[in-house]
Protein backbone atom coordinates (compact mmCIF):
# COMPACT_ATOMS: atom_id res chain seq x y z
CA MET A 1 66.17 99.84 86.56
CA THR A 2 69.44 98.58 88.05
CA PHE A 3 70.26 96.27 90.94
CA ASP A 4 70.63 99.27 93.26
CA ASP A 5 67.11 100.46 92.46
CA ILE A 6 65.51 97.27 93.79
CA THR A 7 65.15 97.12 97.56
CA ILE A 8 65.57 93.98 99.64
CA ALA A 9 61.93 94.20 100.68
CA THR A 10 60.90 94.11 97.01
CA TYR A 11 62.94 90.93 96.45
CA GLN A 12 61.38 89.34 99.53
CA ASN A 13 57.89 90.17 98.33
CA LEU A 14 58.60 88.78 94.86
CA PHE A 15 60.60 85.66 95.71
CA GLY A 16 59.84 84.91 99.36
CA ASN A 17 62.35 82.57 100.98
CA GLU A 18 64.53 82.54 97.85
CA ALA A 19 65.22 86.29 98.14
CA ASN A 20 68.42 85.98 100.19
CA LYS A 21 69.83 83.38 97.84
CA ILE A 22 69.07 85.54 94.79
CA ILE A 23 70.64 88.61 96.43
CA GLN A 24 73.82 86.66 97.24
CA GLU A 25 74.06 85.48 93.63
CA LEU A 26 73.57 89.01 92.29
CA GLN A 27 76.10 90.70 94.58
CA PRO A 28 79.20 89.53 92.61
CA ARG A 29 77.54 90.78 89.41
CA LYS A 30 76.92 94.13 91.09
CA LEU A 31 80.56 94.40 92.16
CA ASN A 32 81.74 93.58 88.64
CA ASP A 33 79.45 96.29 87.28
CA GLN A 34 81.01 98.76 89.72
CA LEU A 35 84.47 97.81 88.46
CA LYS A 36 83.38 98.47 84.88
CA LYS A 37 81.98 101.86 85.90
CA TYR A 38 85.26 102.78 87.60
CA GLU A 39 87.21 101.79 84.49
CA LEU A 40 84.92 103.88 82.26
CA LYS A 41 85.24 106.82 84.64
CA LEU A 42 89.01 106.50 84.59
CA LYS A 43 89.05 106.40 80.79
CA HIS A 44 86.82 109.49 80.74
CA TYR A 45 89.25 111.41 82.97
CA GLU A 46 92.20 110.45 80.80
CA ASP A 47 90.41 111.53 77.60
CA LEU A 48 89.26 114.76 79.22
CA TYR A 49 92.80 115.51 80.37
CA GLN A 50 94.25 114.95 76.90
CA ASN A 51 91.55 117.03 75.19
CA GLU A 52 92.08 119.95 77.55
CA ILE A 53 95.83 119.83 76.96
CA ASN A 54 95.41 119.80 73.18
CA MET A 55 92.89 122.66 73.19
CA PHE A 56 95.00 124.83 75.48
CA GLU A 57 98.17 124.22 73.48
CA SER A 58 96.38 125.04 70.22
CA LYS A 59 95.08 128.35 71.59
CA LEU A 60 98.50 129.35 72.87
CA ILE A 61 100.14 128.65 69.53
CA GLN A 62 97.50 130.62 67.65
CA THR A 63 97.78 133.71 69.88
CA SER A 64 101.52 133.71 70.50
CA LEU A 65 104.21 135.60 68.60
CA ASN A 66 107.63 134.27 67.62
CA HIS A 67 109.44 135.91 70.57
CA GLN A 68 106.91 134.40 72.97
CA HIS A 69 107.67 130.72 72.17
CA THR A 70 109.81 130.34 75.28
CA GLN A 71 107.11 131.71 77.57
CA VAL A 72 104.51 129.50 75.87
CA GLY A 73 106.68 126.43 76.46
CA ILE A 74 107.05 127.25 80.15
CA SER A 75 103.30 127.78 80.51
CA MET A 76 102.58 124.47 78.79
CA THR A 77 105.00 122.62 81.05
CA LEU A 78 103.47 124.10 84.20
CA LEU A 79 99.96 123.32 83.00
CA LYS A 80 100.88 119.72 82.20
CA TYR A 81 102.38 119.28 85.65
CA TYR A 82 99.24 120.65 87.29
CA LEU A 83 96.78 118.59 85.25
CA SER A 84 98.92 115.48 85.57
CA HIS A 85 98.98 115.84 89.35
CA HIS A 86 95.21 116.31 89.49
CA THR A 87 94.62 113.37 87.15
CA ASN A 88 96.91 111.12 89.19
CA GLN A 89 94.92 111.97 92.30
CA LEU A 90 91.70 110.93 90.57
CA ILE A 91 93.32 107.75 89.29
CA ARG A 92 94.54 106.83 92.77
CA GLN A 93 91.06 107.33 94.18
CA ILE A 94 89.53 105.11 91.51
CA ARG A 95 92.21 102.43 91.94
CA TYR A 96 91.59 102.41 95.69
CA ARG A 97 87.87 101.89 95.14
CA GLU A 98 88.62 99.12 92.66
CA ALA A 99 90.90 97.45 95.21
CA CYS A 100 88.12 97.56 97.81
CA VAL A 101 85.72 95.96 95.34
CA HIS A 102 88.29 93.26 94.52
CA VAL A 103 88.67 92.50 98.24
CA LYS A 104 84.90 92.07 98.55
CA LEU A 105 84.84 89.76 95.52
CA VAL A 106 87.67 87.63 96.91
CA ARG A 107 85.95 87.34 100.29
CA GLN A 108 82.62 86.40 98.71
CA HIS A 109 84.34 83.80 96.54
CA HIS A 110 86.13 82.43 99.61
CA ARG A 111 82.89 82.18 101.61
CA HIS A 112 81.23 80.49 98.63
CA LEU A 113 83.98 77.88 98.54
CA LEU A 114 83.68 77.34 102.28
CA SER A 115 79.96 76.73 101.98
CA LYS A 116 80.59 74.02 99.36
CA GLN A 117 83.25 72.17 101.31
CA GLN A 118 82.20 68.76 102.41
CA ILE A 119 82.41 67.94 106.08
CA VAL A 120 84.78 65.09 106.87
CA ASP A 121 83.13 62.93 109.49
CA VAL A 122 85.21 61.35 112.23
CA TYR A 123 85.18 57.56 112.14
CA PRO A 124 87.37 55.28 114.29
CA HIS A 125 89.95 53.55 112.13
CA ILE A 126 90.57 50.11 113.60
CA ILE A 127 94.22 49.15 113.46
CA ALA A 128 93.96 45.98 115.55
CA ASP A 129 91.17 43.44 115.13
CA VAL A 130 89.85 41.92 118.36
CA PRO A 131 87.11 39.38 119.09
CA THR A 132 83.68 40.96 118.99
CA ILE A 133 82.25 38.54 121.54
CA ALA A 134 82.25 39.15 125.29
CA LEU A 135 85.18 37.96 127.38
CA ASN A 136 84.98 34.35 128.51
CA ARG A 137 85.96 33.16 131.97
CA LEU A 138 89.55 32.22 131.04
CA GLN A 139 90.21 35.59 129.41
CA LEU A 140 88.69 37.42 132.35
CA ASP A 141 90.78 35.44 134.84
CA TYR A 142 93.93 36.27 132.88
CA LEU A 143 93.22 39.98 132.79
CA SER A 144 92.17 39.98 136.44
CA LYS A 145 95.76 39.24 137.45
CA SER A 146 96.62 42.84 136.59
CA LYS A 147 95.96 45.25 139.45
CA ALA A 148 95.35 48.08 136.98
CA CYS A 149 92.40 46.17 135.53
CA THR A 150 90.85 45.32 138.86
CA LYS A 151 91.14 48.65 140.66
CA ASN A 152 89.40 50.96 138.19
CA GLY A 153 86.18 48.92 138.19
CA TYR A 154 85.73 49.19 134.41
CA LEU A 155 86.55 45.56 133.59
CA LYS A 156 83.40 43.45 133.42
CA PRO A 157 82.42 40.15 131.75
CA LYS A 158 80.76 42.11 128.91
CA THR A 159 83.66 44.49 128.35
CA TYR A 160 84.88 44.90 124.73
CA LEU A 161 88.49 45.80 124.00
CA CYS A 162 89.54 47.63 120.89
CA THR A 163 92.10 50.17 119.71
CA PHE A 164 91.47 52.89 117.18
CA ASP A 165 93.21 55.77 115.47
CA ILE A 166 91.59 58.96 114.17
CA THR A 167 93.03 59.61 110.71
CA ASP A 168 91.19 62.80 109.90
CA LEU A 169 89.46 65.53 111.87
CA TYR A 170 86.52 67.76 111.01
CA THR A 171 87.58 71.22 109.97
CA MET A 172 85.97 74.06 108.05
CA LEU A 173 89.01 76.36 108.21
CA PRO A 174 91.32 76.31 105.14
CA GLN A 175 94.79 76.91 106.49
CA GLU A 176 96.66 78.86 103.81
CA GLU A 177 93.60 80.75 102.53
CA SER A 178 92.49 81.90 105.98
CA LEU A 179 95.95 83.28 106.77
CA ASP A 180 96.05 85.06 103.40
CA ILE A 181 92.78 86.79 104.28
CA LEU A 182 94.13 87.68 107.73
CA ILE A 183 97.22 89.36 106.24
CA GLU A 184 95.05 91.09 103.63
CA PHE A 185 92.82 92.41 106.42
CA LEU A 186 95.81 93.80 108.35
CA LEU A 187 97.29 95.46 105.26
CA GLN A 188 93.95 96.97 104.32
CA HIS A 189 93.82 98.66 107.74
CA ASP A 190 97.45 99.87 107.49
CA TYR A 191 98.87 97.41 110.02
CA GLN A 192 102.52 96.59 109.31
CA LYS A 193 103.09 95.37 112.88
CA VAL A 194 100.89 94.18 115.74
CA GLN A 195 102.42 94.80 119.16
CA ASN A 196 105.80 95.31 117.44
CA ILE A 197 105.55 91.93 115.68
CA PRO A 198 105.78 92.14 111.85
CA ILE A 199 102.82 90.64 110.05
CA ASP A 200 104.98 88.16 108.12
CA ILE A 201 106.18 86.75 111.46
CA ILE A 202 102.56 86.64 112.63
CA ARG A 203 101.66 84.58 109.57
CA LYS A 204 104.48 82.09 110.20
CA LEU A 205 103.54 81.71 113.86
CA ALA A 206 99.86 81.34 113.01
CA LEU A 207 100.68 78.62 110.48
CA ILE A 208 102.58 76.73 113.17
CA VAL A 209 99.57 76.95 115.49
CA ILE A 210 97.25 75.61 112.79
CA LYS A 211 99.46 72.90 111.28
CA GLU A 212 101.49 71.73 114.31
CA ASN A 213 98.76 71.84 116.93
CA VAL A 214 99.46 69.73 120.04
CA PHE A 215 97.37 68.94 123.08
CA VAL A 216 97.79 67.25 126.47
CA TYR A 217 95.78 64.24 127.58
CA GLU A 218 96.45 62.42 130.86
CA ARG A 219 99.91 64.02 131.22
CA LYS A 220 100.97 62.99 127.74
CA PHE A 221 101.56 65.20 124.72
CA TYR A 222 99.81 64.43 121.45
CA ARG A 223 100.16 66.17 118.12
CA GLN A 224 97.34 66.50 115.63
CA VAL A 225 98.80 65.54 112.25
CA ILE A 226 95.74 65.94 110.00
CA GLY A 227 93.04 68.61 110.10
CA GLY A 228 92.93 72.02 111.76
CA ALA A 229 93.26 73.33 115.30
CA MET A 230 89.53 73.89 115.36
CA SER A 231 88.98 74.35 119.10
CA SER A 232 91.73 76.84 119.95
CA ALA A 233 90.96 80.47 120.76
CA PHE A 234 93.16 81.64 117.89
CA THR A 235 91.41 79.62 115.19
CA LEU A 236 87.97 80.55 116.48
CA THR A 237 88.93 84.22 116.18
CA LEU A 238 90.51 83.60 112.78
CA ALA A 239 87.37 81.88 111.49
CA ASN A 240 85.25 84.88 112.50
CA THR A 241 87.40 87.46 110.66
């Protein structure tokens, strides 16, 4: 019995909640087994091709006369061209299937790495220490001289003032790897251009979006220097590919 012979329902009956985990662990092994089968099939075709050539050539030599050597040579050449063409077609088919299996293995490995990545929590990084006690009367009177502090209504005797800087942002989207998979996806579906834009240009533009992401807050421009552009429409689409 092989992996293909066992249904998912059978795994669920045998292992319960662990069935999905076991199936995910066995899938790479199944793909590797398929690669081995393709290689053995390819070797079989090559051996079969060589055996047929040798047998045919031996029969021609045995049945031919001296004045027929030229005709025998022409026949052998034509036969070799025909069999070589047919064999190359079979080899291309097998190589294409192997490439598809390799793509599946790479994607599974990539998803496995993503699942193991640790989430970087966002913590305020204090760059200026301030008193942790509430404002006293003298401090409040000093700040009250500013119209900006008095008009917004946020300044109160129990107000705390602090400044902070976010040094890292949560992201589950590897930048270079995700773009590699995007280009691989386009090539696999025979896309050299998208809306007349070459895919290498698309990769460069996408990398700018991910690495040099900027945003506007209160009429000021800010640039995210660490992490990924996790909330943009482009990266959400990229993460789902």
